[in-house]
Protein backbone atom coordinates (compact mmCIF):
# COMPACT_ATOMS: atom_id res chain seq x y z
CA MET A 1 -1.93 11.23 132.18
CA ARG A 2 -1.54 7.66 131.07
CA PRO A 3 -3.68 6.48 128.14
CA SER A 4 -6.54 4.02 128.19
CA GLN A 5 -9.03 2.88 125.60
CA VAL A 6 -11.60 5.30 124.18
CA SER A 7 -14.91 4.22 122.71
CA VAL A 8 -16.43 5.63 119.55
CA LEU A 9 -20.12 6.60 119.81
CA THR A 10 -22.68 7.03 117.09
CA PRO A 11 -23.66 10.68 116.52
CA ILE A 12 -27.18 10.20 117.96
CA LEU A 13 -25.93 8.48 121.11
CA PHE A 14 -23.18 11.06 121.42
CA VAL A 15 -25.66 13.96 121.44
CA LEU A 16 -27.85 12.12 123.95
CA LEU A 17 -24.93 11.55 126.30
CA VAL A 18 -23.87 15.19 126.03
CA THR A 19 -27.38 16.27 127.02
CA LEU A 20 -27.59 13.86 129.95
CA THR A 21 -24.14 14.21 131.46
CA LEU A 22 -23.26 17.90 131.29
CA SER A 23 -23.68 19.81 134.52
CA PRO A 24 -27.21 21.29 134.15
CA THR A 25 -26.24 24.79 135.31
CA HIS A 26 -23.40 25.16 132.84
CA LEU A 27 -25.31 23.45 130.04
CA GLN A 28 -28.13 25.96 130.49
CA ALA A 29 -25.65 28.85 130.51
CA ALA A 30 -24.28 27.69 127.16
CA ALA A 31 -27.76 27.17 125.75
CA ASP A 32 -28.77 30.70 126.74
CA GLN A 33 -26.32 32.12 124.21
CA ASP A 34 -28.33 32.59 121.01
CA CYS A 35 -25.69 31.87 118.38
CA GLY A 36 -28.14 31.49 115.54
CA THR A 37 -29.32 35.10 115.69
CA SER A 38 -25.93 36.71 116.20
CA SER A 39 -25.77 40.06 114.36
CA THR A 40 -22.21 39.31 113.31
CA LYS A 41 -23.03 36.00 111.67
CA GLY A 42 -21.88 35.96 108.06
CA THR A 43 -19.86 39.14 108.37
CA ILE A 44 -16.63 37.55 109.65
CA GLU A 45 -14.28 35.61 107.42
CA PRO A 46 -14.56 31.89 108.29
CA LEU A 47 -11.57 30.40 110.07
CA THR A 48 -10.74 26.89 111.26
CA LEU A 49 -8.97 26.32 114.58
CA ARG A 50 -7.54 22.83 115.07
CA VAL A 51 -7.30 21.72 118.69
CA ALA A 52 -5.69 18.46 119.84
CA LEU A 53 -7.10 17.56 123.26
CA TYR A 54 -5.80 14.65 125.30
CA PRO A 55 -8.73 12.22 125.31
CA PHE A 56 -8.06 9.99 128.32
CA ILE A 57 -10.47 11.54 130.80
CA PRO A 58 -13.92 10.36 131.97
CA ASP A 59 -16.71 11.29 129.55
CA ASN A 60 -14.22 12.87 127.20
CA LEU A 61 -16.67 13.32 124.32
CA THR A 62 -19.02 15.29 126.55
CA PHE A 63 -16.19 17.61 127.55
CA PHE A 64 -14.99 18.11 123.98
CA HIS A 65 -18.45 18.84 122.61
CA ASN A 66 -19.18 21.29 125.44
CA LEU A 67 -16.02 23.26 124.67
CA GLU A 68 -16.68 23.24 120.93
CA SER A 69 -20.26 24.47 121.29
CA ILE A 70 -19.46 27.30 123.69
CA PHE A 71 -16.37 28.48 121.80
CA GLU A 72 -18.06 28.54 118.41
CA CYS A 73 -21.01 30.37 119.95
CA GLU A 74 -18.72 33.02 121.46
CA ASN A 75 -16.66 33.33 118.26
CA PRO A 76 -18.92 33.54 115.16
CA GLY A 77 -17.28 32.37 111.96
CA VAL A 78 -14.90 29.97 113.71
CA ASP A 79 -15.01 26.25 112.99
CA LEU A 80 -13.37 24.50 115.94
CA ARG A 81 -11.99 21.15 114.79
CA LEU A 82 -11.16 18.75 117.60
CA VAL A 83 -8.26 16.51 116.62
CA SER A 84 -8.50 13.29 118.60
CA THR A 85 -8.05 9.59 117.90
CA PRO A 86 -8.45 6.43 119.99
CA ASN A 87 -4.66 6.23 120.20
CA ALA A 88 -3.51 9.73 121.09
CA THR A 89 -0.14 8.49 122.29
CA TYR A 90 0.66 7.31 118.75
CA GLU A 91 -0.69 10.48 117.19
CA TYR A 92 1.24 12.70 119.55
CA TYR A 93 4.48 10.80 119.72
CA THR A 94 5.48 7.72 117.76
CA ASP A 95 8.22 5.74 119.48
CA ASP A 96 7.75 2.41 117.74
CA GLU A 97 11.17 1.37 116.40
CA ALA A 98 9.46 -0.32 113.47
CA ASP A 99 8.10 3.03 112.36
CA LYS A 100 10.89 4.46 110.18
CA LYS A 101 9.26 7.87 110.09
CA GLY A 102 10.61 8.66 113.55
CA PHE A 103 8.81 11.31 115.57
CA GLN A 104 5.24 11.82 114.42
CA PHE A 105 3.37 14.65 116.12
CA VAL A 106 -0.25 15.50 115.51
CA ASP A 107 -0.74 18.72 113.52
CA ALA A 108 -2.85 21.36 115.30
CA ASP A 109 -3.06 25.01 116.34
CA VAL A 110 -3.61 24.22 120.04
CA TYR A 111 -2.03 21.20 121.66
CA GLU A 112 -2.86 19.54 124.93
CA ILE A 113 0.42 17.99 126.01
CA ASP A 114 1.39 15.67 128.83
CA THR A 115 4.32 17.80 129.96
CA ILE A 116 6.69 14.83 129.85
CA LEU A 117 6.51 15.56 126.08
CA LEU A 118 6.88 19.33 126.39
CA SER A 119 10.62 19.45 125.79
CA ASP A 120 10.20 17.32 122.67
CA PHE A 121 7.58 19.72 121.29
CA ILE A 122 9.88 22.68 122.01
CA ALA A 123 12.92 20.99 120.41
CA LEU A 124 10.97 20.40 117.19
CA GLY A 125 9.72 23.98 117.11
CA LYS A 126 6.08 22.94 117.43
CA ILE A 127 5.01 25.34 120.20
CA ALA A 128 5.68 28.93 121.31
CA PRO A 129 6.05 30.59 124.72
CA ILE A 130 2.77 31.68 126.26
CA ASP A 131 1.49 33.92 129.04
CA LEU A 132 -0.61 32.40 131.82
CA PRO A 133 -4.22 33.68 131.64
CA PHE A 134 -4.82 33.45 135.43
CA ASP A 135 -2.61 33.96 138.47
CA ASP A 136 -3.71 31.00 140.61
CA PHE A 137 -2.08 28.02 138.91
CA ALA A 138 -0.58 25.45 141.27
CA PRO A 139 3.22 25.85 141.69
CA GLU A 140 3.84 22.27 140.54
CA GLY A 141 1.85 23.04 137.38
CA ILE A 142 3.90 26.13 136.61
CA GLN A 143 7.12 24.21 137.20
CA ALA A 144 6.02 21.51 134.77
CA VAL A 145 5.44 23.98 131.91
CA THR A 146 8.57 26.09 132.40
CA ARG A 147 11.77 25.52 130.44
CA GLN A 148 14.76 27.90 130.65
CA ASP A 149 12.60 30.42 132.52
CA GLU A 150 10.06 30.48 129.67
CA VAL A 151 6.48 29.22 130.05
CA TYR A 152 5.42 27.01 127.13
CA GLY A 153 2.02 25.79 128.25
CA VAL A 154 -0.97 26.63 130.41
CA PRO A 155 -1.44 23.95 133.09
CA HIS A 156 -4.79 22.21 132.67
CA TRP A 157 -4.91 19.06 134.84
CA LEU A 158 -2.68 17.74 137.62
CA CYS A 159 -2.16 13.98 137.61
CA GLY A 160 -0.51 11.34 139.74
CA ASN A 161 -1.02 8.22 141.83
CA PHE A 162 -2.79 8.35 145.19
CA MET A 163 -3.49 5.79 147.88
CA PHE A 164 -7.18 5.16 148.59
CA TYR A 165 -8.29 3.42 151.79
CA ARG A 166 -11.22 3.31 154.23
CA LYS A 167 -11.33 6.68 155.96
CA ASP A 168 -11.51 5.12 159.43
CA ASP A 169 -8.46 2.89 158.82
CA VAL A 170 -5.99 4.70 161.07
CA GLU A 171 -3.20 2.15 160.55
CA ILE A 172 -3.14 2.60 156.79
CA ARG A 173 -3.48 6.36 157.07
CA ASN A 174 -0.49 6.61 159.41
CA ALA A 175 1.74 3.90 157.89
CA ALA A 176 5.14 5.50 157.26
CA THR A 177 6.49 3.21 154.49
CA TRP A 178 5.42 0.77 151.80
CA LYS A 179 6.80 -2.05 153.97
CA GLU A 180 4.45 -1.10 156.78
CA ILE A 181 1.49 -1.00 154.37
CA ILE A 182 2.26 -4.48 153.04
CA GLU A 183 2.83 -5.93 156.54
CA ILE A 184 -0.49 -4.52 157.79
CA LEU A 185 -2.34 -6.02 154.84
CA LYS A 186 -0.68 -9.42 155.25
CA LEU A 187 -1.58 -9.57 158.95
CA ARG A 188 -5.20 -8.83 158.05
CA ASP A 189 -5.17 -11.08 154.98
CA LYS A 190 -6.35 -8.09 152.93
CA ALA A 191 -5.43 -7.06 149.41
CA LEU A 192 -3.73 -4.14 147.70
CA LEU A 193 -4.84 -3.31 144.16
CA VAL A 194 -2.75 -1.31 141.69
CA ASP A 195 -2.29 -1.44 137.92
CA LEU A 196 1.28 -2.46 137.05
CA LYS A 197 0.82 -3.17 133.37
CA GLY A 198 1.29 -1.18 130.16
CA ARG A 199 4.38 0.59 128.84
CA SER A 200 3.48 4.07 130.03
CA THR A 201 2.28 2.83 133.42
CA LEU A 202 5.39 0.73 134.10
CA GLY A 203 7.69 3.50 132.89
CA GLU A 204 6.02 5.93 135.27
CA TRP A 205 6.30 3.54 138.22
CA TYR A 206 9.95 2.83 137.46
CA LEU A 207 10.76 6.55 137.41
CA THR A 208 8.88 6.96 140.71
CA ALA A 209 10.90 4.18 142.38
CA LEU A 210 14.24 5.24 140.90
CA SER A 211 13.74 8.88 141.87
CA GLU A 212 13.46 7.89 145.50
CA ILE A 213 16.93 6.33 145.32
CA VAL A 214 18.81 8.96 143.31
CA GLY A 215 16.44 11.96 143.13
CA LEU A 216 14.24 12.87 140.19
CA ALA A 217 16.86 14.88 138.30
CA GLU A 218 19.36 12.01 138.33
CA ALA A 219 16.64 9.42 137.68
CA GLN A 220 15.59 11.25 134.49
CA LYS A 221 19.20 11.46 133.38
CA GLN A 222 19.80 7.74 133.89
CA VAL A 223 16.64 6.83 131.97
CA ALA A 224 17.35 9.27 129.13
CA GLU A 225 20.89 7.89 128.79
CA GLY A 226 19.57 4.33 128.53
CA MET A 227 21.22 2.96 131.67
CA PRO A 228 20.20 -0.60 132.69
CA ILE A 229 17.32 -0.91 135.14
CA ASN A 230 18.26 -0.32 138.75
CA SER A 231 17.94 -3.47 140.90
CA ASP A 232 16.99 -1.54 144.04
CA ALA A 233 14.19 0.26 142.19
CA MET A 234 12.93 -3.09 140.94
CA ASN A 235 12.98 -4.48 144.49
CA TYR A 236 10.75 -1.58 145.49
CA LEU A 237 8.26 -2.43 142.75
CA ARG A 238 8.33 -6.12 143.65
CA ASP A 239 7.44 -5.12 147.22
CA ILE A 240 4.27 -3.49 145.88
CA VAL A 241 3.36 -6.53 143.78
CA ALA A 242 3.73 -8.66 146.93
CA GLY A 243 0.62 -6.99 148.33
CA CYS A 244 -1.50 -7.99 145.33
CA PRO A 245 -3.65 -11.15 145.19
CA ASN A 246 -2.64 -13.76 142.62
CA GLY A 247 -3.90 -12.83 139.18
CA TYR A 248 -4.27 -9.12 139.95
CA CYS A 249 -2.13 -6.01 139.36
CA ARG A 250 -0.16 -7.62 136.52
CA SER A 251 -3.09 -8.47 134.25
CA ASP A 252 -3.39 -7.09 130.71
CA LYS A 253 -7.15 -7.67 130.76
CA MET A 254 -7.62 -5.67 133.97
CA HIS A 255 -5.25 -2.96 132.71
CA ASP A 256 -7.40 -2.54 129.59
CA SER A 257 -10.64 -2.40 131.60
CA THR A 258 -10.77 1.27 132.60
CA GLY A 259 -11.62 1.66 136.30
CA PHE A 260 -11.53 -2.09 137.06
CA TYR A 261 -9.41 -1.81 140.22
CA ALA A 262 -11.30 1.25 141.51
CA ARG A 263 -14.60 -0.61 141.16
CA ALA A 264 -13.17 -3.63 142.97
CA PHE A 265 -11.99 -1.38 145.82
CA ILE A 266 -15.44 0.21 146.17
CA ARG A 267 -16.99 -3.26 146.33
CA GLY A 268 -14.73 -4.11 149.27
CA GLU A 269 -12.39 -6.47 147.42
CA ALA A 270 -9.28 -4.64 148.67
CA ALA A 271 -8.31 -2.56 151.70
CA VAL A 272 -6.03 -0.31 149.64
CA TYR A 273 -6.19 0.88 146.04
CA ILE A 274 -3.56 2.94 144.18
CA GLY A 275 -4.59 5.02 141.19
CA TYR A 276 -5.10 8.43 139.62
CA SER A 277 -7.65 10.79 141.19
CA GLU A 278 -10.16 10.46 138.35
CA THR A 279 -10.19 6.66 138.53
CA ILE A 280 -12.15 6.77 141.80
CA HIS A 281 -15.01 8.27 139.77
CA TYR A 282 -15.42 4.90 138.03
CA GLY A 283 -15.55 3.19 141.42
CA LEU A 284 -18.11 5.61 142.82
CA ARG A 285 -20.14 5.21 139.63
CA GLU A 286 -20.19 1.48 140.39
CA GLU A 287 -21.57 2.26 143.84
CA ALA A 288 -24.30 4.48 142.40
CA ASP A 289 -25.29 2.07 139.61
CA ASN A 290 -24.89 -1.41 141.07
CA CYS A 291 -24.78 -1.33 144.89
CA LEU A 292 -27.69 -1.63 147.33
CA THR A 293 -27.52 -0.23 150.85
CA THR A 294 -26.87 -3.81 152.00
CA SER A 295 -24.08 -4.45 149.48
CA GLY A 296 -21.27 -3.17 151.69
CA CYS A 297 -19.92 -0.86 148.96
CA LEU A 298 -17.93 2.19 149.97
CA GLY A 299 -19.48 5.60 149.43
CA GLU A 300 -17.73 8.90 148.83
CA ASP A 301 -17.74 9.75 152.53
CA ASP A 302 -16.16 6.39 153.44
CA ILE A 303 -12.94 6.99 151.48
CA GLY A 304 -9.62 8.40 152.64
CA VAL A 305 -6.90 9.65 150.28
CA ARG A 306 -3.19 10.02 151.02
CA SER A 307 0.07 10.38 149.12
CA LEU A 308 2.17 7.31 148.41
CA PRO A 309 4.44 6.35 151.31
CA PRO A 310 8.22 6.25 150.84
CA PHE A 311 10.03 2.98 150.24
CA ASP A 312 12.95 4.01 152.44
CA PRO A 313 12.04 5.09 156.02
CA MET A 314 15.08 7.40 156.05
CA LYS A 315 13.88 9.37 153.03
CA LYS A 316 10.95 11.66 152.38
CA PRO A 317 10.57 11.90 148.60
CA VAL A 318 8.77 14.87 147.08
CA GLY A 319 6.78 12.52 144.86
CA VAL A 320 6.35 12.30 141.10
CA GLY A 321 3.39 13.91 139.41
CA TRP A 322 2.29 14.78 135.90
CA VAL A 323 0.63 17.78 134.29
CA ASP A 324 -1.44 18.12 131.13
CA ALA A 325 -0.98 21.58 129.61
CA LEU A 326 -2.36 23.58 126.68
CA ALA A 327 0.10 25.13 124.22
CA ILE A 328 -0.16 27.12 120.99
CA GLY A 329 1.46 26.31 117.66
CA ALA A 330 4.73 28.16 117.05
CA GLU A 331 3.61 29.41 113.63
CA LEU A 332 0.40 31.13 114.80
CA THR A 333 -0.03 34.87 114.22
CA GLY A 334 -2.78 37.45 114.05
CA ARG A 335 -6.41 36.43 114.46
CA LYS A 336 -5.70 32.71 114.66
CA LYS A 337 -3.20 33.19 117.51
CA ASP A 338 -5.69 35.39 119.32
CA LEU A 339 -8.37 32.71 118.95
CA ALA A 340 -6.00 30.00 120.17
CA LEU A 341 -5.26 32.03 123.30
CA ARG A 342 -8.99 32.68 123.76
CA PHE A 343 -9.70 28.97 123.52
CA ILE A 344 -7.09 28.12 126.16
CA ARG A 345 -8.46 30.76 128.51
CA LEU A 346 -11.93 29.27 128.08
CA ALA A 347 -10.67 25.73 128.69
CA VAL A 348 -9.16 26.69 132.05
CA SER A 349 -11.98 29.04 133.10
CA ASP A 350 -13.97 28.40 136.25
CA SER A 351 -17.18 27.71 134.32
CA VAL A 352 -15.67 25.07 132.02
CA TYR A 353 -13.75 23.38 134.83
CA LEU A 354 -16.94 23.19 136.90
CA SER A 355 -18.96 21.85 133.95
CA ILE A 356 -16.56 18.89 133.92
CA VAL A 357 -15.94 18.18 137.59
CA GLU A 358 -19.04 19.25 139.52
CA PRO A 359 -21.17 16.24 140.50
CA SER A 360 -24.29 15.54 138.50
CA TRP A 361 -26.82 13.35 140.33
CA PRO A 362 -26.62 10.43 140.92
CA TYR A 363 -22.88 10.47 140.22
CA SER A 364 -19.94 11.95 142.07
CA SER A 365 -17.42 14.42 140.72
CA ARG A 366 -15.17 13.10 137.96
CA TYR A 367 -12.33 14.09 140.30
CA LEU A 368 -9.96 15.35 137.65
CA LEU A 369 -7.62 17.81 139.37
CA PRO A 370 -7.86 21.38 137.98
CA ALA A 371 -4.45 23.03 137.77
CA ARG A 372 -5.90 26.28 139.14
CA GLN A 373 -6.05 26.54 142.91
CA GLY A 374 -8.92 29.03 142.92
CA VAL A 375 -11.51 26.68 141.39
CA ALA A 376 -13.91 25.62 144.16
CA VAL A 377 -15.90 22.45 143.44
CA ASN A 378 -19.11 21.95 145.40
CA LYS A 379 -20.16 18.62 146.91
CA ALA A 380 -16.87 16.89 146.12
CA PRO A 381 -15.34 16.11 149.53
CA LEU A 382 -12.22 14.28 148.30
CA TYR A 383 -10.66 17.32 146.59
CA GLU A 384 -9.09 18.73 149.73
CA GLN A 385 -7.29 15.43 150.35
CA PHE A 386 -6.18 15.14 146.72
CA PHE A 387 -4.62 18.59 146.58
CA ALA A 388 -2.88 18.12 149.92
CA ALA A 389 -1.43 14.80 148.75
CA HIS A 390 -0.31 16.24 145.40
CA LEU A 391 1.35 19.37 146.78
CA GLY A 392 5.03 19.74 145.88
CA ARG A 393 5.26 16.85 143.41
CA GLN A 394 7.81 17.20 140.63
CA THR A 395 7.64 15.97 137.06
CA GLY A 396 9.89 14.74 134.28
CA THR A 397 11.23 17.44 131.96
CA LEU A 398 14.12 16.00 129.92
CA PRO A 399 13.82 15.59 126.13
CA ASN A 400 13.19 12.04 124.94
CA LEU A 401 12.21 10.95 128.48
CA ASN A 402 8.81 9.59 127.50
CA ARG A 403 10.25 7.45 124.71
CA MET A 404 12.99 6.04 126.93
CA LEU A 405 10.58 5.28 129.78
CA ARG A 406 8.33 3.37 127.41
CA THR A 407 11.39 1.53 126.11
CA ILE A 408 12.66 0.59 129.56
CA ALA A 409 9.17 -0.58 130.51
CA GLY A 410 9.82 -3.77 128.53
CA ALA A 411 12.69 -4.71 130.85
CA VAL A 412 10.66 -3.71 133.91
CA ASN A 413 7.78 -5.89 132.75
CA CYS A 414 10.06 -8.91 132.39
CA ASP A 415 11.71 -8.34 135.76
CA LEU A 416 8.41 -8.32 137.66
CA PRO A 417 6.31 -11.44 138.29
CA ILE A 418 4.41 -12.38 135.13
CA ASP A 419 0.75 -13.31 135.33
CA ARG A 420 0.14 -16.96 134.51
CA ASP A 421 -2.23 -16.01 131.67
CA ASP A 422 0.13 -13.41 130.21
CA ILE A 423 1.34 -15.45 127.23
CA ALA A 424 2.59 -12.36 125.37
CA SER A 425 4.95 -11.39 128.21
CA LYS A 426 6.13 -14.95 128.73
CA THR A 427 7.00 -15.16 125.05
CA SER A 428 8.69 -11.78 124.71
CA CYS A 429 10.60 -12.07 128.00
CA SER A 430 11.98 -15.48 127.14
CA LYS A 431 13.75 -14.18 124.02
């Protein structure tokens, strides 16, 4: 998952938000456990378990607090410390050339890892092989956490870009290529919205375009070896930008405003929106909070979801996806290792998944994609389309791939049209 900004809440507001936004059923289930009168309290040696969770999900503080409360209740004597900062990318993986320390990984007992970083964690001896706690993980999730036939993480969330459109728009639904999509929109004088800003975002899009030309395995190799950007891949990305209105898609301000493009799509400002599954939650929240029945906003039942079309009509790419996975520290033994494994099993359990993604009136599901196929989410009609569109996607696995993608993103940024207000890019690209 690509990072965005995370706000810091005061403790009082934090507790209030936890109470208001947790799924009532699962909140009550947690509350029913009487931790304070546990007969084992005070008889078990205290132990601290440090868990680094990837924070870039909707209502992340609610999710973290829910896990912490339930786990500590179920495991008397354990102090669960959640290791998270507003800039988890820096804490997990420092790739700033000005930082002479080199790789800087957060120190924890349990790590949530975007699996593009998994090989780096393994190479540094940070994590150990692990057994999967359930047997219904999506095949693409298992592939993402497997290296040399060993599983090093438990898949948690599936991630990737999807195309959102009006459900009754048959032309967009059936369009076979990006060129067809753009031509349809131009004939209608309608817009496409997609975020093409930020180092991680641009690196991901470049890998997606390049993999269609040479295949994902070769695309990773070329990026990891520092080969110059591929002109055909850049032409593909320029084709996408051509569908965007002036001032959109390449804006730093809109990139930093989480959910901006999804909200604009819901308000009818674009016929097509490209984004991660969970971003549509921000758009649907806009509809619930700010739209009247006469506003013309799209509702959940008005939306269609499909996979991204190919650039080349002669090719049918498998697609590029991403997986967030939970791994245990390589040095763990005994009781602490057992607790780490227990925590991971809880995090990917049906009850915890549902506490995060089941709708809570008046809002829709958060539409994060659980990596387990057996988790059934009620009253969330878009899930079937999401999973069908994600099926079979592959992910990056080479060591150092994340760092090199973020490095090459600078060249990609300069090769794409630069927004007229983007002074920083104009300055850096002119050097």
